[in-house]
Amino acid sequence: MNDLTLAERFRGFYPVVVDVECGGFDHTQHALLEIAAVMLDWREGRLVRGATVAAHVLPFDGARFDPKALEVIGIPDPFHPLRGALPEREALDAIFDPVRKAQKSYGCQRTILVGHNAAFDLNFLNAAIARTGHKRSPFHPFSTFDTVSLAALAYGQTVLAKALKAAGIEWDAGQAHSAVYDAEQTAELFCTIVNRWGAMVG
């Protein structure tokens, strides 16, 4: 696989690892509060973690909040001015613009979301896209690469912390439930699994 380009390795898709933190589990009602995206690079036939972009997001009008969810992610007041949160449209642009540039630089036709329980992240992302009427999302609207399935295959683990431990990657529970930290550790897991497979099949 060392002679493949990144576009060839994933059939024209550019993989980007995404993590979101939200005010609950219902993408139709609960607020999107944080989003992070980790772009990936291809170096001598190996996938490696690239740049991270992230944004704090202002809740949309009428958004609901689960107090337990806010406690877990450590955001007691989603409207606090010191969060530096952006309106949803601006937050999406802050993510989409650099992702689109990276996708183009690798000659890929579309970006594919990589996530741990990827459907959760994609549902919240798609809901924000629909609310804002955004027409230039680089992400495929329904296809994903899910590290839950990949980690179950590679390590027999589905929980992110346990999968990372099995892969020999650090996990700091004190930093967990930050979109940036979770996305970056998920990216390390995805790269490790992809590279391990590449080494096995040649």
C-alpha atoms as a PDB file:
ATOM      1  CA  MET A   1       0.000   0.000   0.000  1.00  0.00           C
ATOM      2  CA  ASN A   2       3.008   2.305   0.230  1.00  0.00           C
ATOM      3  CA  ASP A   3       2.697   3.277  -3.425  1.00  0.00           C
ATOM      4  CA  LEU A   4      -0.924   4.394  -3.112  1.00  0.00           C
ATOM      5  CA  THR A   5      -1.950   8.021  -2.842  1.00  0.00           C
ATOM      6  CA  LEU A   6      -4.325   9.060  -0.062  1.00  0.00           C
ATOM      7  CA  ALA A   7      -7.134   9.441  -2.588  1.00  0.00           C
ATOM      8  CA  GLU A   8      -6.484   5.930  -3.919  1.00  0.00           C
ATOM      9  CA  ARG A   9      -6.297   4.432  -0.430  1.00  0.00           C
ATOM     10  CA  PHE A  10      -9.863   5.519   0.414  1.00  0.00           C
ATOM     11  CA  ARG A  11     -11.498   5.458  -3.018  1.00  0.00           C
ATOM     12  CA  GLY A  12     -11.467   9.209  -3.489  1.00  0.00           C
ATOM     13  CA  PHE A  13     -12.560  10.003   0.071  1.00  0.00           C
ATOM     14  CA  TYR A  14     -10.553  12.268   2.360  1.00  0.00           C
ATOM     15  CA  PRO A  15     -10.926  11.050   5.978  1.00  0.00           C
ATOM     16  CA  VAL A  16     -11.367  13.698   8.664  1.00  0.00           C
ATOM     17  CA  VAL A  17     -11.894  12.803  12.307  1.00  0.00           C
ATOM     18  CA  VAL A  18     -14.743  14.725  13.938  1.00  0.00           C
ATOM     19  CA  ASP A  19     -15.983  14.951  17.503  1.00  0.00           C
ATOM     20  CA  VAL A  20     -18.879  17.029  18.771  1.00  0.00           C
ATOM     21  CA  GLU A  21     -20.011  17.915  22.276  1.00  0.00           C
ATOM     22  CA  CYS A  22     -23.680  18.636  22.717  1.00  0.00           C
ATOM     23  CA  GLY A  23     -26.356  19.574  25.220  1.00  0.00           C
ATOM     24  CA  GLY A  24     -27.912  16.114  25.012  1.00  0.00           C
ATOM     25  CA  PHE A  25     -28.354  13.136  22.713  1.00  0.00           C
ATOM     26  CA  ASP A  26     -31.172  14.313  20.414  1.00  0.00           C
ATOM     27  CA  HIS A  27     -29.716  16.051  17.365  1.00  0.00           C
ATOM     28  CA  THR A  28     -33.122  17.524  16.490  1.00  0.00           C
ATOM     29  CA  GLN A  29     -33.548  19.302  19.835  1.00  0.00           C
ATOM     30  CA  HIS A  30     -30.293  19.541  21.767  1.00  0.00           C
ATOM     31  CA  ALA A  31     -27.655  22.179  21.114  1.00  0.00           C
ATOM     32  CA  LEU A  32     -24.391  21.592  19.277  1.00  0.00           C
ATOM     33  CA  LEU A  33     -21.835  23.211  21.605  1.00  0.00           C
ATOM     34  CA  GLU A  34     -18.377  22.168  20.395  1.00  0.00           C
ATOM     35  CA  ILE A  35     -16.982  20.719  17.193  1.00  0.00           C
ATOM     36  CA  ALA A  36     -13.444  19.643  16.389  1.00  0.00           C
ATOM     37  CA  ALA A  37     -12.026  18.203  13.193  1.00  0.00           C
ATOM     38  CA  VAL A  38      -8.630  16.543  12.809  1.00  0.00           C
ATOM     39  CA  MET A  39      -7.283  16.423   9.289  1.00  0.00           C
ATOM     40  CA  LEU A  40      -5.069  13.504   8.305  1.00  0.00           C
ATOM     41  CA  ASP A  41      -1.880  13.437   6.267  1.00  0.00           C
ATOM     42  CA  TRP A  42      -0.335  10.706   4.103  1.00  0.00           C
ATOM     43  CA  ARG A  43       3.420  10.286   4.523  1.00  0.00           C
ATOM     44  CA  GLU A  44       5.287   7.505   2.733  1.00  0.00           C
ATOM     45  CA  GLY A  45       2.242   5.270   2.710  1.00  0.00           C
ATOM     46  CA  ARG A  46       1.310   5.892   6.337  1.00  0.00           C
ATOM     47  CA  LEU A  47      -1.632   7.823   7.718  1.00  0.00           C
ATOM     48  CA  VAL A  48      -0.698  10.407  10.365  1.00  0.00           C
ATOM     49  CA  ARG A  49      -2.507  13.018  12.372  1.00  0.00           C
ATOM     50  CA  GLY A  50      -2.503  16.478  10.831  1.00  0.00           C
ATOM     51  CA  ALA A  51      -3.884  19.855  11.852  1.00  0.00           C
ATOM     52  CA  THR A  52      -6.821  20.276  14.220  1.00  0.00           C
ATOM     53  CA  VAL A  53      -9.490  22.932  13.794  1.00  0.00           C
ATOM     54  CA  ALA A  54     -12.215  23.565  16.356  1.00  0.00           C
ATOM     55  CA  ALA A  55     -15.003  25.914  17.342  1.00  0.00           C
ATOM     56  CA  HIS A  56     -17.228  26.573  20.314  1.00  0.00           C
ATOM     57  CA  VAL A  57     -20.800  26.927  19.101  1.00  0.00           C
ATOM     58  CA  LEU A  58     -23.630  29.152  20.295  1.00  0.00           C
ATOM     59  CA  PRO A  59     -26.848  27.210  20.893  1.00  0.00           C
ATOM     60  CA  PHE A  60     -29.436  27.676  18.176  1.00  0.00           C
ATOM     61  CA  ASP A  61     -32.701  29.423  19.018  1.00  0.00           C
ATOM     62  CA  GLY A  62     -34.991  27.088  20.912  1.00  0.00           C
ATOM     63  CA  ALA A  63     -32.269  24.547  21.692  1.00  0.00           C
ATOM     64  CA  ARG A  64     -32.785  22.281  24.668  1.00  0.00           C
ATOM     65  CA  PHE A  65     -30.234  21.169  27.255  1.00  0.00           C
ATOM     66  CA  ASP A  66     -29.875  18.089  29.403  1.00  0.00           C
ATOM     67  CA  PRO A  67     -28.261  19.227  32.689  1.00  0.00           C
ATOM     68  CA  LYS A  68     -26.468  15.880  33.027  1.00  0.00           C
ATOM     69  CA  ALA A  69     -24.949  16.262  29.556  1.00  0.00           C
ATOM     70  CA  LEU A  70     -23.715  19.768  30.388  1.00  0.00           C
ATOM     71  CA  GLU A  71     -22.154  18.448  33.584  1.00  0.00           C
ATOM     72  CA  VAL A  72     -20.325  15.669  31.722  1.00  0.00           C
ATOM     73  CA  ILE A  73     -18.855  18.002  29.097  1.00  0.00           C
ATOM     74  CA  GLY A  74     -18.064  20.714  31.646  1.00  0.00           C
ATOM     75  CA  ILE A  75     -20.114  23.547  30.139  1.00  0.00           C
ATOM     76  CA  PRO A  76     -22.359  24.850  32.933  1.00  0.00           C
ATOM     77  CA  ASP A  77     -23.442  27.915  30.936  1.00  0.00           C
ATOM     78  CA  PRO A  78     -23.518  27.470  27.135  1.00  0.00           C
ATOM     79  CA  PHE A  79     -24.200  31.210  26.730  1.00  0.00           C
ATOM     80  CA  HIS A  80     -21.239  32.430  28.808  1.00  0.00           C
ATOM     81  CA  PRO A  81     -19.363  35.096  26.789  1.00  0.00           C
ATOM     82  CA  LEU A  82     -15.946  33.757  27.781  1.00  0.00           C
ATOM     83  CA  ARG A  83     -16.645  30.597  25.775  1.00  0.00           C
ATOM     84  CA  GLY A  84     -15.953  32.625  22.642  1.00  0.00           C
ATOM     85  CA  ALA A  85     -18.691  30.673  20.889  1.00  0.00           C
ATOM     86  CA  LEU A  86     -19.658  31.316  17.278  1.00  0.00           C
ATOM     87  CA  PRO A  87     -23.107  31.167  15.667  1.00  0.00           C
ATOM     88  CA  GLU A  88     -23.647  27.805  13.994  1.00  0.00           C
ATOM     89  CA  ARG A  89     -23.055  29.062  10.459  1.00  0.00           C
ATOM     90  CA  GLU A  90     -19.747  30.705  11.379  1.00  0.00           C
ATOM     91  CA  ALA A  91     -18.677  27.648  13.356  1.00  0.00           C
ATOM     92  CA  LEU A  92     -19.382  25.386  10.381  1.00  0.00           C
ATOM     93  CA  ASP A  93     -17.380  27.667   8.094  1.00  0.00           C
ATOM     94  CA  ALA A  94     -14.461  27.594  10.563  1.00  0.00           C
ATOM     95  CA  ILE A  95     -14.416  23.813  10.163  1.00  0.00           C
ATOM     96  CA  PHE A  96     -15.438  23.382   6.531  1.00  0.00           C
ATOM     97  CA  ASP A  97     -13.040  25.866   4.925  1.00  0.00           C
ATOM     98  CA  PRO A  98      -9.762  24.230   6.059  1.00  0.00           C
ATOM     99  CA  VAL A  99     -11.204  20.741   5.553  1.00  0.00           C
ATOM    100  CA  ARG A 100     -12.165  21.602   1.975  1.00  0.00           C
ATOM    101  CA  LYS A 101      -8.649  22.921   1.303  1.00  0.00           C
ATOM    102  CA  ALA A 102      -7.040  19.773   2.697  1.00  0.00           C
ATOM    103  CA  GLN A 103      -9.397  17.580   0.680  1.00  0.00           C
ATOM    104  CA  LYS A 104      -8.456  19.434  -2.486  1.00  0.00           C
ATOM    105  CA  SER A 105      -4.735  19.241  -1.718  1.00  0.00           C
ATOM    106  CA  TYR A 106      -4.948  15.427  -1.724  1.00  0.00           C
ATOM    107  CA  GLY A 107      -6.998  15.259  -4.891  1.00  0.00           C
ATOM    108  CA  CYS A 108      -9.994  13.735  -3.117  1.00  0.00           C
ATOM    109  CA  GLN A 109     -13.556  14.145  -4.335  1.00  0.00           C
ATOM    110  CA  ARG A 110     -15.331  14.204  -0.971  1.00  0.00           C
ATOM    111  CA  THR A 111     -14.554  14.217   2.736  1.00  0.00           C
ATOM    112  CA  ILE A 112     -15.736  11.313   4.873  1.00  0.00           C
ATOM    113  CA  LEU A 113     -16.360  11.715   8.590  1.00  0.00           C
ATOM    114  CA  VAL A 114     -14.370   9.445  10.894  1.00  0.00           C
ATOM    115  CA  GLY A 115     -15.712   9.178  14.424  1.00  0.00           C
ATOM    116  CA  HIS A 116     -16.165   7.007  17.454  1.00  0.00           C
ATOM    117  CA  ASN A 117     -19.887   6.265  17.189  1.00  0.00           C
ATOM    118  CA  ALA A 118     -19.709   8.283  13.987  1.00  0.00           C
ATOM    119  CA  ALA A 119     -23.472   8.400  13.379  1.00  0.00           C
ATOM    120  CA  PHE A 120     -23.880  10.534  16.510  1.00  0.00           C
ATOM    121  CA  ASP A 121     -21.408  13.157  15.296  1.00  0.00           C
ATOM    122  CA  LEU A 122     -22.719  13.115  11.733  1.00  0.00           C
ATOM    123  CA  ASN A 123     -26.333  13.513  12.897  1.00  0.00           C
ATOM    124  CA  PHE A 124     -25.480  16.643  14.885  1.00  0.00           C
ATOM    125  CA  LEU A 125     -23.361  17.980  12.026  1.00  0.00           C
ATOM    126  CA  ASN A 126     -26.121  17.373   9.476  1.00  0.00           C
ATOM    127  CA  ALA A 127     -28.709  18.964  11.761  1.00  0.00           C
ATOM    128  CA  ALA A 128     -26.598  22.130  12.007  1.00  0.00           C
ATOM    129  CA  ILE A 129     -26.118  22.117   8.220  1.00  0.00           C
ATOM    130  CA  ALA A 130     -29.883  21.877   7.734  1.00  0.00           C
ATOM    131  CA  ARG A 131     -30.658  24.616  10.286  1.00  0.00           C
ATOM    132  CA  THR A 132     -28.211  27.048   8.682  1.00  0.00           C
ATOM    133  CA  GLY A 133     -29.008  26.129   5.097  1.00  0.00           C
ATOM    134  CA  HIS A 134     -25.296  25.541   4.477  1.00  0.00           C
ATOM    135  CA  LYS A 135     -24.708  24.470   0.872  1.00  0.00           C
ATOM    136  CA  ARG A 136     -20.957  23.808   0.880  1.00  0.00           C
ATOM    137  CA  SER A 137     -20.335  21.009   3.335  1.00  0.00           C
ATOM    138  CA  PRO A 138     -17.363  18.888   2.229  1.00  0.00           C
ATOM    139  CA  PHE A 139     -18.648  15.881   4.202  1.00  0.00           C
ATOM    140  CA  HIS A 140     -20.510  12.963   2.673  1.00  0.00           C
ATOM    141  CA  PRO A 141     -24.077  13.198   4.012  1.00  0.00           C
ATOM    142  CA  PHE A 142     -24.361   9.609   5.241  1.00  0.00           C
ATOM    143  CA  SER A 143     -21.186   7.554   4.762  1.00  0.00           C
ATOM    144  CA  THR A 144     -18.740   7.329   7.675  1.00  0.00           C
ATOM    145  CA  PHE A 145     -15.753   5.404   8.995  1.00  0.00           C
ATOM    146  CA  ASP A 146     -16.562   4.321  12.568  1.00  0.00           C
ATOM    147  CA  THR A 147     -13.693   3.529  14.917  1.00  0.00           C
ATOM    148  CA  VAL A 148     -16.067   1.561  17.138  1.00  0.00           C
ATOM    149  CA  SER A 149     -16.331  -1.122  14.452  1.00  0.00           C
ATOM    150  CA  LEU A 150     -12.661  -0.880  13.510  1.00  0.00           C
ATOM    151  CA  ALA A 151     -11.503  -1.137  17.136  1.00  0.00           C
ATOM    152  CA  ALA A 152     -13.812  -4.104  17.731  1.00  0.00           C
ATOM    153  CA  LEU A 153     -12.180  -5.843  14.769  1.00  0.00           C
ATOM    154  CA  ALA A 154      -8.597  -4.878  15.605  1.00  0.00           C
ATOM    155  CA  TYR A 155      -8.601  -5.060  19.405  1.00  0.00           C
ATOM    156  CA  GLY A 156     -11.879  -6.564  20.591  1.00  0.00           C
ATOM    157  CA  GLN A 157     -12.780  -3.249  22.237  1.00  0.00           C
ATOM    158  CA  THR A 158     -15.547  -0.757  21.505  1.00  0.00           C
ATOM    159  CA  VAL A 159     -15.140   1.819  24.307  1.00  0.00           C
ATOM    160  CA  LEU A 160     -12.737   4.547  23.174  1.00  0.00           C
ATOM    161  CA  ALA A 161     -10.617   4.566  26.336  1.00  0.00           C
ATOM    162  CA  LYS A 162     -10.217   0.782  26.267  1.00  0.00           C
ATOM    163  CA  ALA A 163      -9.513   0.687  22.546  1.00  0.00           C
ATOM    164  CA  LEU A 164      -6.806   3.313  22.929  1.00  0.00           C
ATOM    165  CA  LYS A 165      -5.219   1.374  25.780  1.00  0.00           C
ATOM    166  CA  ALA A 166      -5.254  -1.801  23.685  1.00  0.00           C
ATOM    167  CA  ALA A 167      -3.587   0.121  20.849  1.00  0.00           C
ATOM    168  CA  GLY A 168      -0.897   1.511  23.152  1.00  0.00           C
ATOM    169  CA  ILE A 169      -2.196   5.092  22.948  1.00  0.00           C
ATOM    170  CA  GLU A 170      -2.539   7.301  26.009  1.00  0.00           C
ATOM    171  CA  TRP A 171      -5.923   8.310  27.413  1.00  0.00           C
ATOM    172  CA  ASP A 172      -6.355  11.056  29.998  1.00  0.00           C
ATOM    173  CA  ALA A 173      -9.822  10.815  31.553  1.00  0.00           C
ATOM    174  CA  GLY A 174      -9.406  14.349  32.872  1.00  0.00           C
ATOM    175  CA  GLN A 175      -9.292  15.713  29.329  1.00  0.00           C
ATOM    176  CA  ALA A 176     -12.085  13.495  27.993  1.00  0.00           C
ATOM    177  CA  HIS A 177     -15.336  15.032  26.701  1.00  0.00           C
ATOM    178  CA  SER A 178     -13.438  17.904  25.124  1.00  0.00           C
ATOM    179  CA  ALA A 179     -14.128  17.862  21.389  1.00  0.00           C
ATOM    180  CA  VAL A 180     -10.492  18.580  20.570  1.00  0.00           C
ATOM    181  CA  TYR A 181      -9.019  15.919  22.858  1.00  0.00           C
ATOM    182  CA  ASP A 182     -11.512  13.224  21.883  1.00  0.00           C
ATOM    183  CA  ALA A 183     -11.071  13.957  18.169  1.00  0.00           C
ATOM    184  CA  GLU A 184      -7.274  13.898  18.378  1.00  0.00           C
ATOM    185  CA  GLN A 185      -7.196  10.617  20.304  1.00  0.00           C
ATOM    186  CA  THR A 186      -9.726   9.082  17.912  1.00  0.00           C
ATOM    187  CA  ALA A 187      -7.494  10.197  15.045  1.00  0.00           C
ATOM    188  CA  GLU A 188      -4.521   8.444  16.648  1.00  0.00           C
ATOM    189  CA  LEU A 189      -6.611   5.268  16.965  1.00  0.00           C
ATOM    190  CA  PHE A 190      -7.811   5.415  13.361  1.00  0.00           C
ATOM    191  CA  CYS A 191      -4.304   5.994  12.009  1.00  0.00           C
ATOM    192  CA  THR A 192      -2.909   3.162  14.121  1.00  0.00           C
ATOM    193  CA  ILE A 193      -5.519   0.700  12.852  1.00  0.00           C
ATOM    194  CA  VAL A 194      -5.129   1.747   9.210  1.00  0.00           C
ATOM    195  CA  ASN A 195      -1.337   1.563   9.389  1.00  0.00           C
ATOM    196  CA  ARG A 196      -1.417  -1.759  11.200  1.00  0.00           C
ATOM    197  CA  TRP A 197      -3.626  -3.196   8.480  1.00  0.00           C
ATOM    198  CA  GLY A 198      -1.335  -1.790   5.804  1.00  0.00           C
ATOM    199  CA  ALA A 199       1.661  -3.448   7.420  1.00  0.00           C
ATOM    200  CA  MET A 200      -0.157  -6.771   7.603  1.00  0.00           C
ATOM    201  CA  VAL A 201      -1.333  -6.894   3.980  1.00  0.00           C
ATOM    202  CA  GLY A 202       1.778  -5.307   2.474  1.00  0.00           C
END
